[in-house]
Amino acid sequence: MVIIGIPSVIIDFDERFRFNAVAAILFHTGYLLLVVAVVLLFRSDARAWFSRARVAPDT
């Protein structure tokens, strides 16, 4: 849903910024973090992070 909503965020950018600049900056920063989180889900090393296998610490 985050990826599908990108066009509406881009279209509404100017309107949000005119209404309240600080709120718009905070909204877009938070949305950018959501997009980064979704991108990180599909990295090749994400499967190992989600696995239930325990890895011994490197001591």
C-alpha atoms as a PDB file:
ATOM      1  CA  MET A   1       0.000   0.000   0.000  1.00  0.00           C
ATOM      2  CA  VAL A   2       2.935   2.315   0.626  1.00  0.00           C
ATOM      3  CA  ILE A   3       4.213   1.820  -2.916  1.00  0.00           C
ATOM      4  CA  ILE A   4       0.738   2.239  -4.438  1.00  0.00           C
ATOM      5  CA  GLY A   5       0.313   5.524  -2.553  1.00  0.00           C
ATOM      6  CA  ILE A   6       3.448   7.175  -3.946  1.00  0.00           C
ATOM      7  CA  PRO A   7       1.644   8.910  -6.855  1.00  0.00           C
ATOM      8  CA  SER A   8      -0.912  10.522  -4.533  1.00  0.00           C
ATOM      9  CA  VAL A   9       1.859  11.722  -2.207  1.00  0.00           C
ATOM     10  CA  ILE A  10       3.615  13.327  -5.160  1.00  0.00           C
ATOM     11  CA  ILE A  11       0.406  14.936  -6.448  1.00  0.00           C
ATOM     12  CA  ASP A  12      -0.548  16.298  -3.005  1.00  0.00           C
ATOM     13  CA  PHE A  13       2.939  17.613  -2.201  1.00  0.00           C
ATOM     14  CA  ASP A  14       2.240  21.227  -3.153  1.00  0.00           C
ATOM     15  CA  GLU A  15      -1.136  21.328  -1.389  1.00  0.00           C
ATOM     16  CA  ARG A  16       0.274  19.853   1.836  1.00  0.00           C
ATOM     17  CA  PHE A  17       3.205  22.254   1.775  1.00  0.00           C
ATOM     18  CA  ARG A  18       0.958  25.307   1.303  1.00  0.00           C
ATOM     19  CA  PHE A  19      -1.334  24.224   4.143  1.00  0.00           C
ATOM     20  CA  ASN A  20       1.380  23.652   6.769  1.00  0.00           C
ATOM     21  CA  ALA A  21       5.050  23.473   5.813  1.00  0.00           C
ATOM     22  CA  VAL A  22       6.296  21.867   9.038  1.00  0.00           C
ATOM     23  CA  ALA A  23       3.611  19.176   8.961  1.00  0.00           C
ATOM     24  CA  ALA A  24       4.343  18.524   5.276  1.00  0.00           C
ATOM     25  CA  ILE A  25       8.057  18.067   5.940  1.00  0.00           C
ATOM     26  CA  LEU A  26       7.344  15.694   8.824  1.00  0.00           C
ATOM     27  CA  PHE A  27       4.807  13.744   6.751  1.00  0.00           C
ATOM     28  CA  HIS A  28       7.150  13.336   3.799  1.00  0.00           C
ATOM     29  CA  THR A  29      10.049  12.352   6.059  1.00  0.00           C
ATOM     30  CA  GLY A  30       7.906   9.673   7.662  1.00  0.00           C
ATOM     31  CA  TYR A  31       6.658   8.483   4.282  1.00  0.00           C
ATOM     32  CA  LEU A  32      10.215   8.295   2.992  1.00  0.00           C
ATOM     33  CA  LEU A  33      11.114   6.089   5.966  1.00  0.00           C
ATOM     34  CA  LEU A  34       8.193   3.790   5.117  1.00  0.00           C
ATOM     35  CA  VAL A  35       9.394   3.494   1.510  1.00  0.00           C
ATOM     36  CA  VAL A  36      12.920   2.676   2.702  1.00  0.00           C
ATOM     37  CA  ALA A  37      11.510   0.013   5.047  1.00  0.00           C
ATOM     38  CA  VAL A  38       9.589  -1.619   2.186  1.00  0.00           C
ATOM     39  CA  VAL A  39      12.685  -1.570  -0.041  1.00  0.00           C
ATOM     40  CA  LEU A  40      14.756  -3.192   2.717  1.00  0.00           C
ATOM     41  CA  LEU A  41      12.206  -6.025   2.985  1.00  0.00           C
ATOM     42  CA  PHE A  42      13.159  -7.179  -0.500  1.00  0.00           C
ATOM     43  CA  ARG A  43      16.936  -7.192  -0.100  1.00  0.00           C
ATOM     44  CA  SER A  44      18.693 -10.519  -0.470  1.00  0.00           C
ATOM     45  CA  ASP A  45      19.816 -10.599   3.169  1.00  0.00           C
ATOM     46  CA  ALA A  46      16.299  -9.970   4.537  1.00  0.00           C
ATOM     47  CA  ARG A  47      15.420 -13.681   4.486  1.00  0.00           C
ATOM     48  CA  ALA A  48      18.178 -14.475   6.997  1.00  0.00           C
ATOM     49  CA  TRP A  49      16.989 -11.664   9.273  1.00  0.00           C
ATOM     50  CA  PHE A  50      13.415 -13.030   9.290  1.00  0.00           C
ATOM     51  CA  SER A  51      14.441 -16.666   9.843  1.00  0.00           C
ATOM     52  CA  ARG A  52      13.973 -18.154  13.294  1.00  0.00           C
ATOM     53  CA  ALA A  53      17.435 -19.722  13.340  1.00  0.00           C
ATOM     54  CA  ARG A  54      19.693 -18.464  16.106  1.00  0.00           C
ATOM     55  CA  VAL A  55      23.193 -17.390  15.188  1.00  0.00           C
ATOM     56  CA  ALA A  56      25.986 -17.536  17.757  1.00  0.00           C
ATOM     57  CA  PRO A  57      27.644 -14.195  18.502  1.00  0.00           C
ATOM     58  CA  ASP A  58      31.119 -13.588  17.084  1.00  0.00           C
ATOM     59  CA  THR A  59      33.068 -13.756  20.346  1.00  0.00           C
END
